[in-house]
Amino acid sequence: MAFSRDGEGENGGLSVVNGAGSSNPASTPSQDKEANKLDQLKQLHRDLDDAIAAMIAEGGHNQLELTRLKKRKLVLRDQISNLEDEIVPDIIA
């Protein structure tokens, strides 16, 4: 999976390309949609991590762009955490 810049959308200018999701035959369409969205967000988070690492490794990186990527990665982490909390309820057994 990769990401592309499009300047629009809920991903803050990044679109997920060729996202693959997991499906569970016992789950509802809503749960499948949430699981697919979670998979896409996790992949985008990994892609941003790779992009940040590559930018740092090459040296003369653009500090402003690096900061933007890091902030976007933090936002994705929060979105992933919130979605995981929705999918797996916090029930004390």
Protein backbone atom coordinates (compact mmCIF):
# COMPACT_ATOMS: atom_id res chain seq x y z
CA MET A 1 0.00 0.00 0.00
CA ALA A 2 1.14 3.52 -0.68
CA PHE A 3 -0.11 7.00 -0.13
CA SER A 4 -0.43 9.89 -2.50
CA ARG A 5 -0.77 13.59 -1.98
CA ASP A 6 -4.08 15.00 -3.16
CA GLY A 7 -4.52 18.09 -1.00
CA GLU A 8 -8.03 17.11 0.03
CA GLY A 9 -9.92 14.57 2.06
CA GLU A 10 -10.01 13.45 5.64
CA ASN A 11 -6.44 12.16 5.51
CA GLY A 12 -5.09 15.71 5.41
CA GLY A 13 -3.81 15.62 1.85
CA LEU A 14 -2.85 11.96 1.85
CA SER A 15 -4.95 9.29 0.19
CA VAL A 16 -4.64 5.59 0.79
CA VAL A 17 -3.97 3.70 -2.43
CA ASN A 18 -4.84 0.01 -2.84
CA GLY A 19 -5.91 -0.48 0.79
CA ALA A 20 -6.52 -4.04 1.88
CA GLY A 21 -8.86 -4.84 4.71
CA SER A 22 -9.68 -7.88 6.72
CA SER A 23 -13.12 -9.39 6.70
CA ASN A 24 -14.67 -11.61 9.29
CA PRO A 25 -17.65 -13.69 8.11
CA ALA A 26 -19.36 -13.32 11.50
CA SER A 27 -19.06 -9.52 11.55
CA THR A 28 -21.56 -6.92 10.43
CA PRO A 29 -20.95 -4.55 7.50
CA SER A 30 -20.37 -1.76 10.02
CA GLN A 31 -17.68 -3.78 11.79
CA ASP A 32 -16.07 -4.68 8.46
CA LYS A 33 -16.01 -1.01 7.50
CA GLU A 34 -14.40 -0.04 10.83
CA ALA A 35 -11.84 -2.85 10.56
CA ASN A 36 -11.00 -1.83 6.99
CA LYS A 37 -10.61 1.81 8.04
CA LEU A 38 -8.37 0.73 10.92
CA ASP A 39 -6.18 -1.29 8.54
CA GLN A 40 -5.91 1.70 6.20
CA LEU A 41 -4.96 4.07 9.02
CA LYS A 42 -2.32 1.66 10.35
CA GLN A 43 -0.82 1.25 6.88
CA LEU A 44 -0.77 5.02 6.33
CA HIS A 45 0.91 5.42 9.74
CA ARG A 46 3.61 2.92 8.70
CA ASP A 47 4.04 4.68 5.34
CA LEU A 48 4.50 8.02 7.08
CA ASP A 49 7.02 6.44 9.45
CA ASP A 50 8.98 5.13 6.46
CA ALA A 51 8.82 8.53 4.73
CA ILE A 52 10.08 10.29 7.86
CA ALA A 53 12.92 7.80 8.28
CA ALA A 54 13.91 8.19 4.62
CA MET A 55 13.83 11.98 4.91
CA ILE A 56 16.08 11.93 7.97
CA ALA A 57 18.46 9.37 6.42
CA GLU A 58 19.02 11.43 3.28
CA GLY A 59 20.29 14.37 5.27
CA GLY A 60 19.42 17.86 4.00
CA HIS A 61 15.72 17.41 4.67
CA ASN A 62 13.12 20.14 4.71
CA GLN A 63 12.44 20.74 8.41
CA LEU A 64 8.96 22.17 7.77
CA GLU A 65 7.88 19.15 5.72
CA LEU A 66 9.39 16.80 8.30
CA THR A 67 7.44 18.53 11.08
CA ARG A 68 4.22 18.29 9.07
CA LEU A 69 4.72 14.57 8.49
CA LYS A 70 5.41 13.99 12.19
CA LYS A 71 2.28 15.90 13.21
CA ARG A 72 0.20 13.96 10.69
CA LYS A 73 1.60 10.73 12.10
CA LEU A 74 0.54 11.77 15.62
CA VAL A 75 -2.97 12.58 14.39
CA LEU A 76 -3.16 9.16 12.74
CA ARG A 77 -2.03 7.50 15.97
CA ASP A 78 -4.88 9.24 17.82
CA GLN A 79 -7.39 8.20 15.14
CA ILE A 80 -6.17 4.60 15.32
CA SER A 81 -6.47 4.60 19.10
CA ASN A 82 -10.00 6.04 18.99
CA LEU A 83 -11.13 3.55 16.35
CA GLU A 84 -9.64 0.63 18.29
CA ASP A 85 -11.55 1.81 21.37
CA GLU A 86 -14.79 1.79 19.33
CA ILE A 87 -14.16 -1.68 17.94
CA VAL A 88 -13.05 -3.27 21.23
CA PRO A 89 -15.23 -1.99 24.07
CA ASP A 90 -13.64 -1.39 27.45
CA ILE A 91 -15.55 -4.00 29.45
CA ILE A 92 -14.23 -5.29 32.75
CA ALA A 93 -15.07 -8.98 33.03
